Amino acid sequence: MRVFINDKAVECESGATLTALLEANGVATDNVAVALDFEVIHREAWDATTPQEGSSIIIIKASQGG
């Protein structure tokens, strides 16, 4: 199955959870927000959320600066 992480096409197994997909693609999950098809998914729901074929996953990393 093909999904898009920050507009980059990646292949994954059908039924893979959001957590598994992020880990398999080396995405550090500390201090990030994740949107699936333009809807923010709370971290507690990542293990129960399964993207569909063609889903868009946006990773937003928190940063600080001045």
C-alpha atoms as a PDB file:
ATOM      1  CA  MET A   1       0.000   0.000   0.000  1.00  0.00           C
ATOM      2  CA  ARG A   2       1.264   3.501  -0.751  1.00  0.00           C
ATOM      3  CA  VAL A   3       0.852   6.478   1.593  1.00  0.00           C
ATOM      4  CA  PHE A   4       2.536   9.870   1.649  1.00  0.00           C
ATOM      5  CA  ILE A   5       4.600  11.158   4.574  1.00  0.00           C
ATOM      6  CA  ASN A   6       5.239  14.891   4.190  1.00  0.00           C
ATOM      7  CA  ASP A   7       4.502  14.503   0.459  1.00  0.00           C
ATOM      8  CA  LYS A   8       6.994  11.628   0.035  1.00  0.00           C
ATOM      9  CA  ALA A   9       5.509   8.358  -1.233  1.00  0.00           C
ATOM     10  CA  VAL A  10       6.269   5.358   0.979  1.00  0.00           C
ATOM     11  CA  GLU A  11       5.152   1.747   0.823  1.00  0.00           C
ATOM     12  CA  CYS A  12       3.682  -0.015   3.849  1.00  0.00           C
ATOM     13  CA  GLU A  13       1.645  -3.072   4.700  1.00  0.00           C
ATOM     14  CA  SER A  14      -2.109  -2.755   4.569  1.00  0.00           C
ATOM     15  CA  GLY A  15      -3.471  -2.463   8.104  1.00  0.00           C
ATOM     16  CA  ALA A  16      -0.265  -0.952   9.524  1.00  0.00           C
ATOM     17  CA  THR A  17      -0.941   1.404  12.404  1.00  0.00           C
ATOM     18  CA  LEU A  18       0.221   4.980  12.398  1.00  0.00           C
ATOM     19  CA  THR A  19       2.774   4.134  15.111  1.00  0.00           C
ATOM     20  CA  ALA A  20       4.201   1.209  13.102  1.00  0.00           C
ATOM     21  CA  LEU A  21       4.352   3.286   9.944  1.00  0.00           C
ATOM     22  CA  LEU A  22       6.225   6.121  11.647  1.00  0.00           C
ATOM     23  CA  GLU A  23       8.706   3.729  13.289  1.00  0.00           C
ATOM     24  CA  ALA A  24       9.291   1.795  10.045  1.00  0.00           C
ATOM     25  CA  ASN A  25      10.190   5.047   8.302  1.00  0.00           C
ATOM     26  CA  GLY A  26      12.542   6.299  11.006  1.00  0.00           C
ATOM     27  CA  VAL A  27      10.346   9.160  12.147  1.00  0.00           C
ATOM     28  CA  ALA A  28      11.350  10.369  15.621  1.00  0.00           C
ATOM     29  CA  THR A  29       8.085  10.690  17.530  1.00  0.00           C
ATOM     30  CA  ASP A  30       9.247  12.963  20.342  1.00  0.00           C
ATOM     31  CA  ASN A  31       7.782  16.461  20.184  1.00  0.00           C
ATOM     32  CA  VAL A  32       5.808  15.940  16.990  1.00  0.00           C
ATOM     33  CA  ALA A  33       2.221  16.320  15.926  1.00  0.00           C
ATOM     34  CA  VAL A  34       0.756  14.051  13.264  1.00  0.00           C
ATOM     35  CA  ALA A  35      -2.084  14.820  10.886  1.00  0.00           C
ATOM     36  CA  LEU A  36      -3.716  12.085   8.831  1.00  0.00           C
ATOM     37  CA  ASP A  37      -5.592  13.382   5.805  1.00  0.00           C
ATOM     38  CA  PHE A  38      -5.547  16.894   7.328  1.00  0.00           C
ATOM     39  CA  GLU A  39      -6.938  15.824  10.720  1.00  0.00           C
ATOM     40  CA  VAL A  40      -4.653  15.927  13.762  1.00  0.00           C
ATOM     41  CA  ILE A  41      -4.463  12.518  15.443  1.00  0.00           C
ATOM     42  CA  HIS A  42      -3.854  12.516  19.189  1.00  0.00           C
ATOM     43  CA  ARG A  43      -0.824  10.475  20.229  1.00  0.00           C
ATOM     44  CA  GLU A  44      -3.038   8.144  22.298  1.00  0.00           C
ATOM     45  CA  ALA A  45      -4.837   7.128  19.099  1.00  0.00           C
ATOM     46  CA  TRP A  46      -1.767   6.363  16.959  1.00  0.00           C
ATOM     47  CA  ASP A  47      -1.834   2.632  17.827  1.00  0.00           C
ATOM     48  CA  ALA A  48      -5.479   2.369  16.797  1.00  0.00           C
ATOM     49  CA  THR A  49      -5.253   4.465  13.617  1.00  0.00           C
ATOM     50  CA  THR A  50      -4.660   2.750  10.280  1.00  0.00           C
ATOM     51  CA  PRO A  51      -4.011   4.918   7.220  1.00  0.00           C
ATOM     52  CA  GLN A  52      -5.676   3.941   3.957  1.00  0.00           C
ATOM     53  CA  GLU A  53      -4.227   3.664   0.455  1.00  0.00           C
ATOM     54  CA  GLY A  54      -3.171   7.156  -0.651  1.00  0.00           C
ATOM     55  CA  SER A  55      -3.451   8.723   2.807  1.00  0.00           C
ATOM     56  CA  SER A  56      -1.489  11.886   3.464  1.00  0.00           C
ATOM     57  CA  ILE A  57       0.458  11.958   6.731  1.00  0.00           C
ATOM     58  CA  ILE A  58       1.935  15.267   7.803  1.00  0.00           C
ATOM     59  CA  ILE A  59       4.595  15.321  10.544  1.00  0.00           C
ATOM     60  CA  ILE A  60       5.028  18.626  12.340  1.00  0.00           C
ATOM     61  CA  LYS A  61       8.027  18.926  14.658  1.00  0.00           C
ATOM     62  CA  ALA A  62       7.909  21.362  17.539  1.00  0.00           C
ATOM     63  CA  SER A  63      10.889  23.671  17.805  1.00  0.00           C
ATOM     64  CA  GLN A  64      11.849  26.641  19.849  1.00  0.00           C
ATOM     65  CA  GLY A  65      13.861  29.665  19.058  1.00  0.00           C
ATOM     66  CA  GLY A  66      14.084  33.296  19.649  1.00  0.00           C
END
